[in-house]
Amino acid sequence: MARAITLAGPISLSQYMAAANGHYYDTRDPLGARGDFTTAPEVSQMFGELIGLALTDLWHRAGQPAARYVEYGPGRGTLAADALRAMATVGLAPPVHLIETSGALRERQAAAVPSAEWHLELMSVPEDGALLVVANEFFDALPIRQLVKTQDGWRERLVGCQDTLFLPVMGNTVFDPIVPPQLRDAPDGSVLETSPASVAVMRTLARRIVAQGGAAIVVDYGYDGPAIGDTFQAVRGHAFANPFENPGEHDLTAHVDFGTLAEAARAEGAVVHGPVGQGAFLEALGIGSRAAALAAAAPERAASIEVDRARLTGADQMGTLFKVIAVTAPGWPAPEGFGS
């Protein structure tokens, strides 16, 4: 990448992020204490179980149609395994389709969910039957663009390379017309992030749900935008790192704009519920009761189970930063966990 930029000039931040994350995810298992970060399914089985039961409840109330389980970016397969186990207890055992590009992670997923079929994108998932979809910490890793307000208008932040060192540089093209009108007069130095890749994925997903029936639950850290803010970051060894150093050796992410995702889904005719905080969502689904049941079955683990619950739901941990939306087909019932 350094040679290409040196020869051809700066590239967009989205190109940089896509190339770096492509290498990163294809060459390692980044999860867990020995990795770079820990996701909610790795914190506790309660997370995946409640997601699975929420989708099963929707399926029951929709009339129990033929259905397929689909998960975007399934990590080690932990969420899928927990969700499918919970689904089976109430009579649902759907075919499993995992959308994953990483060969390293596919190996871990195969051990957790041996019955799964793998896909590079939703296009190859069969078009028969309703879709029961999960995307947990998937959209945050999709490439973003950054527009920066300057004295000369909104310009795109690009990535250049000098003496093998990557660094952000400013492009020359003015992008004022595509900035939402309510944000155009933001102070100089303001940053607006967009993710055309995320919008494309959501529109494709919503289109399939509308056509086939079904629902998707999307969980990630983010905000109800569009809004001003620079959220581009790198994580390595459970600590923040410089995103322009050693690309491909740490996880590059940005906070998810749930408002824009919701609009993308509605543009395809889908119904959107939320966003709500992850903590409120899990509490509404009954994480308190599930934690009590697990503690009763294993009293020696009661304290750690409560710690895990607090990590998933606490306002000072994952409870409010992480948000949830549901996307459903017209005519499908409203999902639990999103209020009345």
Protein backbone atom coordinates (compact mmCIF):
# COMPACT_ATOMS: atom_id res chain seq x y z
CA MET A 1 0.00 0.00 0.00
CA ALA A 2 2.86 2.41 0.80
CA ARG A 3 4.39 1.90 -2.64
CA ALA A 4 1.05 2.39 -4.39
CA ILE A 5 0.38 5.66 -2.55
CA THR A 6 3.91 6.89 -3.19
CA LEU A 7 3.56 6.23 -6.92
CA ALA A 8 -0.07 7.24 -7.48
CA GLY A 9 -0.77 9.73 -4.70
CA PRO A 10 -3.06 9.76 -1.65
CA ILE A 11 -6.01 7.39 -1.38
CA SER A 12 -9.33 7.81 0.38
CA LEU A 13 -9.64 6.86 4.02
CA SER A 14 -12.19 4.24 2.96
CA GLN A 15 -9.64 2.56 0.67
CA TYR A 16 -7.02 2.64 3.40
CA MET A 17 -9.41 1.18 5.97
CA ALA A 18 -10.67 -1.54 3.65
CA ALA A 19 -7.16 -2.70 2.73
CA ALA A 20 -5.88 -2.61 6.31
CA ASN A 21 -8.86 -4.44 7.80
CA GLY A 22 -8.89 -6.97 4.96
CA HIS A 23 -5.36 -8.04 5.87
CA TYR A 24 -5.97 -7.80 9.60
CA TYR A 25 -9.03 -10.07 9.75
CA ASP A 26 -7.73 -12.58 7.24
CA THR A 27 -4.54 -13.28 9.14
CA ARG A 28 -5.61 -13.77 12.78
CA ASP A 29 -8.27 -14.37 15.40
CA PRO A 30 -8.45 -10.91 17.02
CA LEU A 31 -10.87 -11.80 19.82
CA GLY A 32 -10.46 -12.56 23.49
CA ALA A 33 -7.91 -11.85 26.19
CA ARG A 34 -5.00 -12.76 23.91
CA GLY A 35 -6.40 -10.78 21.00
CA ASP A 36 -7.16 -7.11 20.53
CA PHE A 37 -10.77 -6.77 21.71
CA THR A 38 -13.68 -8.66 23.28
CA THR A 39 -17.23 -8.58 21.90
CA ALA A 40 -20.49 -9.06 23.81
CA PRO A 41 -20.92 -12.75 22.85
CA GLU A 42 -17.48 -13.47 24.31
CA VAL A 43 -18.46 -11.74 27.57
CA SER A 44 -21.40 -14.02 28.31
CA GLN A 45 -23.61 -16.67 26.74
CA MET A 46 -26.59 -14.56 27.85
CA PHE A 47 -26.08 -12.13 24.98
CA GLY A 48 -26.37 -14.68 22.17
CA GLU A 49 -29.14 -16.60 23.91
CA LEU A 50 -31.33 -13.52 24.24
CA ILE A 51 -30.70 -12.49 20.63
CA GLY A 52 -31.69 -15.97 19.50
CA LEU A 53 -34.84 -15.98 21.61
CA ALA A 54 -35.82 -12.51 20.37
CA LEU A 55 -35.63 -13.70 16.76
CA THR A 56 -37.49 -16.92 17.62
CA ASP A 57 -40.26 -14.94 19.30
CA LEU A 58 -40.65 -12.87 16.13
CA TRP A 59 -40.71 -16.04 14.03
CA HIS A 60 -43.43 -17.57 16.21
CA ARG A 61 -45.60 -14.44 16.06
CA ALA A 62 -45.08 -14.21 12.29
CA GLY A 63 -46.63 -17.65 11.83
CA GLN A 64 -43.52 -19.88 11.93
CA PRO A 65 -42.56 -19.57 8.24
CA ALA A 66 -39.65 -21.47 6.72
CA ALA A 67 -36.60 -19.46 7.78
CA ARG A 68 -32.81 -19.22 7.60
CA TYR A 69 -30.40 -17.88 10.23
CA VAL A 70 -27.90 -15.41 8.77
CA GLU A 71 -25.07 -13.69 10.62
CA TYR A 72 -22.73 -10.99 9.36
CA GLY A 73 -19.17 -11.06 10.72
CA PRO A 74 -19.75 -13.90 13.20
CA GLY A 75 -16.34 -13.74 14.90
CA ARG A 76 -15.57 -17.10 16.49
CA GLY A 77 -19.14 -18.31 15.98
CA THR A 78 -19.90 -17.85 19.67
CA LEU A 79 -23.03 -15.73 19.18
CA ALA A 80 -24.38 -18.09 16.52
CA ALA A 81 -23.80 -21.15 18.70
CA ASP A 82 -25.52 -19.56 21.70
CA ALA A 83 -28.40 -18.16 19.65
CA LEU A 84 -29.02 -21.44 17.81
CA ARG A 85 -28.94 -23.43 21.06
CA ALA A 86 -31.57 -21.13 22.54
CA MET A 87 -33.65 -21.30 19.35
CA ALA A 88 -33.64 -25.09 19.44
CA THR A 89 -35.10 -25.14 22.95
CA VAL A 90 -38.27 -23.48 21.62
CA GLY A 91 -38.63 -25.42 18.40
CA LEU A 92 -36.58 -23.58 15.77
CA ALA A 93 -33.59 -25.15 14.03
CA PRO A 94 -33.00 -23.14 10.84
CA PRO A 95 -30.28 -23.63 8.23
CA VAL A 96 -27.27 -21.47 9.15
CA HIS A 97 -25.52 -19.02 6.81
CA LEU A 98 -22.44 -17.11 7.98
CA ILE A 99 -21.16 -14.14 6.00
CA GLU A 100 -17.41 -14.10 6.57
CA THR A 101 -14.39 -13.21 4.43
CA SER A 102 -11.66 -14.27 6.88
CA GLY A 103 -10.24 -17.73 6.39
CA ALA A 104 -8.78 -17.69 9.91
CA LEU A 105 -12.14 -16.92 11.49
CA ARG A 106 -14.02 -19.41 9.33
CA GLU A 107 -11.95 -22.17 10.94
CA ARG A 108 -13.05 -21.05 14.41
CA GLN A 109 -16.67 -20.73 13.27
CA ALA A 110 -16.64 -24.25 11.82
CA ALA A 111 -15.72 -25.64 15.23
CA ALA A 112 -18.55 -23.72 16.92
CA VAL A 113 -21.24 -24.21 14.26
CA PRO A 114 -20.36 -27.28 12.14
CA SER A 115 -23.63 -27.13 10.19
CA ALA A 116 -23.01 -23.64 8.82
CA GLU A 117 -22.61 -22.62 5.20
CA TRP A 118 -20.27 -19.73 4.45
CA HIS A 119 -20.74 -16.80 2.11
CA LEU A 120 -18.72 -13.76 1.09
CA GLU A 121 -21.90 -11.68 0.85
CA LEU A 122 -25.66 -11.97 1.19
CA MET A 123 -26.13 -12.41 -2.56
CA SER A 124 -25.30 -16.12 -2.41
CA VAL A 125 -27.68 -16.90 0.47
CA PRO A 126 -30.75 -18.71 -0.93
CA GLU A 127 -33.76 -16.50 -1.63
CA ASP A 128 -36.38 -18.89 -0.25
CA GLY A 129 -37.69 -18.54 3.28
CA ALA A 130 -37.65 -15.69 5.76
CA LEU A 131 -34.30 -14.34 6.97
CA LEU A 132 -33.45 -14.13 10.67
CA VAL A 133 -30.35 -11.95 10.65
CA VAL A 134 -27.81 -10.84 13.25
CA ALA A 135 -25.05 -8.27 12.79
CA ASN A 136 -23.09 -7.67 16.00
CA GLU A 137 -20.07 -5.35 15.77
CA PHE A 138 -20.04 -5.71 12.01
CA PHE A 139 -20.86 -2.26 10.67
CA ASP A 140 -18.19 -0.52 12.80
CA ALA A 141 -15.44 -2.22 10.78
CA LEU A 142 -16.80 -1.20 7.37
CA PRO A 143 -14.86 1.57 5.58
CA ILE A 144 -15.74 5.21 6.19
CA ARG A 145 -15.03 8.51 4.48
CA GLN A 146 -14.26 11.67 6.45
CA LEU A 147 -15.15 15.17 5.32
CA VAL A 148 -13.45 18.03 7.18
CA LYS A 149 -14.76 21.62 7.36
CA THR A 150 -12.06 24.07 6.23
CA GLN A 151 -12.03 27.77 5.42
CA ASP A 152 -12.51 26.72 1.79
CA GLY A 153 -15.45 24.39 2.46
CA TRP A 154 -15.85 20.69 3.21
CA ARG A 155 -12.94 18.61 1.90
CA GLU A 156 -12.18 14.91 2.09
CA ARG A 157 -9.50 13.56 4.39
CA LEU A 158 -7.19 11.29 2.40
CA VAL A 159 -4.24 9.10 3.37
CA GLY A 160 -0.81 9.90 2.03
CA CYS A 161 2.58 8.28 2.54
CA GLN A 162 5.92 9.96 3.19
CA ASP A 163 9.08 7.94 3.72
CA THR A 164 6.96 4.81 4.35
CA LEU A 165 4.95 6.68 7.02
CA PHE A 166 1.19 6.96 6.52
CA LEU A 167 -0.46 10.26 7.42
CA PRO A 168 -3.77 12.05 6.86
CA VAL A 169 -3.78 14.75 4.19
CA MET A 170 -6.49 17.03 2.82
CA GLY A 171 -7.94 16.59 -0.65
CA ASN A 172 -8.72 19.48 -2.99
CA THR A 173 -12.28 18.66 -4.01
CA VAL A 174 -15.05 20.56 -2.21
CA PHE A 175 -17.95 18.38 -1.00
CA ASP A 176 -20.36 20.98 0.42
CA PRO A 177 -23.35 19.79 -1.69
CA ILE A 178 -23.39 16.33 -0.07
CA VAL A 179 -23.15 17.58 3.53
CA PRO A 180 -26.56 17.64 5.28
CA PRO A 181 -27.82 21.24 5.28
CA GLN A 182 -28.08 21.39 9.06
CA LEU A 183 -24.36 20.57 9.38
CA ARG A 184 -22.83 22.70 6.61
CA ASP A 185 -22.13 25.70 8.85
CA ALA A 186 -20.26 23.67 11.49
CA PRO A 187 -17.03 25.28 12.81
CA ASP A 188 -13.78 24.84 10.90
CA GLY A 189 -12.10 21.58 11.85
CA SER A 190 -15.42 19.71 12.22
CA VAL A 191 -15.45 16.16 10.86
CA LEU A 192 -18.39 14.41 9.20
CA GLU A 193 -18.13 10.67 8.70
CA THR A 194 -20.04 8.75 6.06
CA SER A 195 -19.99 5.07 5.18
CA PRO A 196 -21.26 4.30 1.67
CA ALA A 197 -20.27 0.66 2.26
CA SER A 198 -22.55 0.43 5.30
CA VAL A 199 -25.46 2.01 3.44
CA ALA A 200 -25.00 -0.43 0.55
CA VAL A 201 -24.96 -3.45 2.89
CA MET A 202 -28.05 -2.25 4.75
CA ARG A 203 -30.00 -1.52 1.59
CA THR A 204 -29.21 -4.98 0.20
CA LEU A 205 -30.20 -6.61 3.49
CA ALA A 206 -33.42 -4.61 3.82
CA ARG A 207 -34.37 -5.38 0.22
CA ARG A 208 -34.02 -9.11 0.86
CA ILE A 209 -35.99 -8.94 4.12
CA VAL A 210 -38.81 -7.05 2.42
CA ALA A 211 -38.90 -9.59 -0.42
CA GLN A 212 -38.57 -12.75 1.68
CA GLY A 213 -39.91 -11.77 5.08
CA GLY A 214 -37.90 -11.78 8.25
CA ALA A 215 -36.01 -9.53 10.60
CA ALA A 216 -32.50 -8.34 11.38
CA ILE A 217 -31.04 -7.30 14.73
CA VAL A 218 -28.07 -4.94 14.44
CA VAL A 219 -25.91 -4.23 17.49
CA ASP A 220 -22.91 -1.90 17.51
CA TYR A 221 -21.40 1.11 19.19
CA GLY A 222 -22.55 4.35 17.66
CA TYR A 223 -24.97 7.25 17.57
CA ASP A 224 -28.25 8.38 16.04
CA GLY A 225 -26.88 10.63 13.28
CA PRO A 226 -25.86 12.14 11.02
CA ALA A 227 -23.69 14.15 13.40
CA ILE A 228 -20.33 15.86 13.66
CA GLY A 229 -17.43 13.93 15.20
CA ASP A 230 -14.17 12.10 14.47
CA THR A 231 -14.58 8.50 15.66
CA PHE A 232 -11.97 6.76 13.49
CA GLN A 233 -9.83 4.60 15.78
CA ALA A 234 -7.48 1.65 16.05
CA VAL A 235 -7.37 -0.98 18.79
CA ARG A 236 -4.52 -3.37 19.53
CA GLY A 237 -4.05 -5.44 22.66
CA HIS A 238 -7.22 -3.97 24.21
CA ALA A 239 -5.78 -0.44 24.01
CA PHE A 240 -6.09 2.40 21.53
CA ALA A 241 -3.38 2.75 18.90
CA ASN A 242 -2.47 5.18 16.14
CA PRO A 243 -4.67 4.21 13.15
CA PHE A 244 -2.02 5.44 10.70
CA GLU A 245 0.76 3.24 12.09
CA ASN A 246 1.27 -0.38 10.98
CA PRO A 247 -1.92 -0.74 8.91
CA GLY A 248 -3.17 -4.31 8.87
CA GLU A 249 -1.80 -5.01 12.35
CA HIS A 250 -4.67 -3.60 14.40
CA ASP A 251 -8.44 -3.26 14.19
CA LEU A 252 -9.68 -0.10 12.47
CA THR A 253 -13.23 0.97 13.30
CA ALA A 254 -15.57 3.95 13.50
CA HIS A 255 -18.79 4.55 15.41
CA VAL A 256 -21.91 3.52 13.51
CA ASP A 257 -24.43 6.12 12.35
CA PHE A 258 -27.67 4.34 13.21
CA GLY A 259 -29.80 7.18 11.87
CA THR A 260 -28.34 6.78 8.40
CA LEU A 261 -28.61 2.97 8.55
CA ALA A 262 -32.28 3.31 9.50
CA GLU A 263 -32.96 5.62 6.57
CA ALA A 264 -31.22 3.20 4.21
CA ALA A 265 -33.48 0.36 5.40
CA ARG A 266 -36.63 2.48 5.14
CA ALA A 267 -35.66 3.47 1.60
CA GLU A 268 -36.10 -0.21 0.64
CA GLY A 269 -39.52 -0.44 2.30
CA ALA A 270 -38.45 -2.08 5.55
CA VAL A 271 -39.73 -1.15 9.01
CA VAL A 272 -37.10 0.05 11.51
CA HIS A 273 -37.33 -0.19 15.30
CA GLY A 274 -34.96 1.75 17.54
CA PRO A 275 -32.21 2.57 18.12
CA VAL A 276 -32.26 1.74 21.81
CA GLY A 277 -29.35 1.23 24.17
CA GLN A 278 -27.98 -2.30 24.44
CA GLY A 279 -28.55 -2.28 28.19
CA ALA A 280 -32.22 -1.36 27.93
CA PHE A 281 -32.68 -3.88 25.12
CA LEU A 282 -31.18 -6.79 27.06
CA GLU A 283 -33.04 -5.88 30.26
CA ALA A 284 -36.32 -5.84 28.32
CA LEU A 285 -35.53 -9.28 26.92
CA GLY A 286 -35.01 -10.66 30.42
CA ILE A 287 -31.28 -10.72 31.06
CA GLY A 288 -31.98 -10.35 34.78
CA SER A 289 -34.01 -13.55 34.87
CA ARG A 290 -31.48 -15.40 32.73
CA ALA A 291 -28.62 -14.29 34.98
CA ALA A 292 -30.54 -15.48 38.05
CA ALA A 293 -31.18 -18.87 36.44
CA LEU A 294 -27.51 -19.31 35.52
CA ALA A 295 -26.44 -18.29 39.03
CA ALA A 296 -28.88 -20.75 40.60
CA ALA A 297 -27.49 -23.55 38.43
CA ALA A 298 -23.87 -22.65 39.28
CA PRO A 299 -23.74 -20.77 42.61
CA GLU A 300 -19.95 -20.69 42.51
CA ARG A 301 -20.19 -18.49 39.41
CA ALA A 302 -22.89 -16.14 40.68
CA ALA A 303 -20.53 -13.22 41.24
CA SER A 304 -18.91 -13.49 37.80
CA ILE A 305 -22.31 -13.83 36.12
CA GLU A 306 -23.41 -10.58 37.72
CA VAL A 307 -20.18 -8.90 36.60
CA ASP A 308 -20.87 -10.06 33.05
CA ARG A 309 -24.42 -8.78 33.19
CA ALA A 310 -23.21 -5.40 34.40
CA ARG A 311 -20.64 -5.24 31.62
CA LEU A 312 -23.30 -5.87 28.97
CA THR A 313 -25.92 -3.54 30.41
CA GLY A 314 -24.20 -0.92 32.58
CA ALA A 315 -24.40 2.70 31.45
CA ASP A 316 -20.70 3.11 32.23
CA GLN A 317 -19.76 0.01 30.19
CA MET A 318 -21.58 -1.33 27.08
CA GLY A 319 -25.14 -0.43 28.04
CA THR A 320 -25.52 2.99 26.38
CA LEU A 321 -22.60 3.33 23.95
CA PHE A 322 -23.77 0.16 22.21
CA LYS A 323 -27.11 0.51 20.47
CA VAL A 324 -29.58 -1.81 18.78
CA ILE A 325 -31.94 -1.48 15.84
CA ALA A 326 -34.25 -4.07 14.36
CA VAL A 327 -35.24 -4.15 10.69
CA THR A 328 -38.40 -6.10 9.85
CA ALA A 329 -40.43 -6.89 6.78
CA PRO A 330 -43.76 -5.04 6.43
CA GLY A 331 -46.46 -7.06 8.14
CA TRP A 332 -44.09 -8.72 10.57
CA PRO A 333 -44.77 -8.09 14.28
CA ALA A 334 -42.80 -5.54 16.27
CA PRO A 335 -39.84 -7.13 18.06
CA GLU A 336 -39.51 -7.26 21.82
CA GLY A 337 -37.00 -4.96 23.47
CA PHE A 338 -37.89 -1.71 21.70
CA GLY A 339 -40.71 -0.41 23.92
CA SER A 340 -44.34 -0.05 22.98
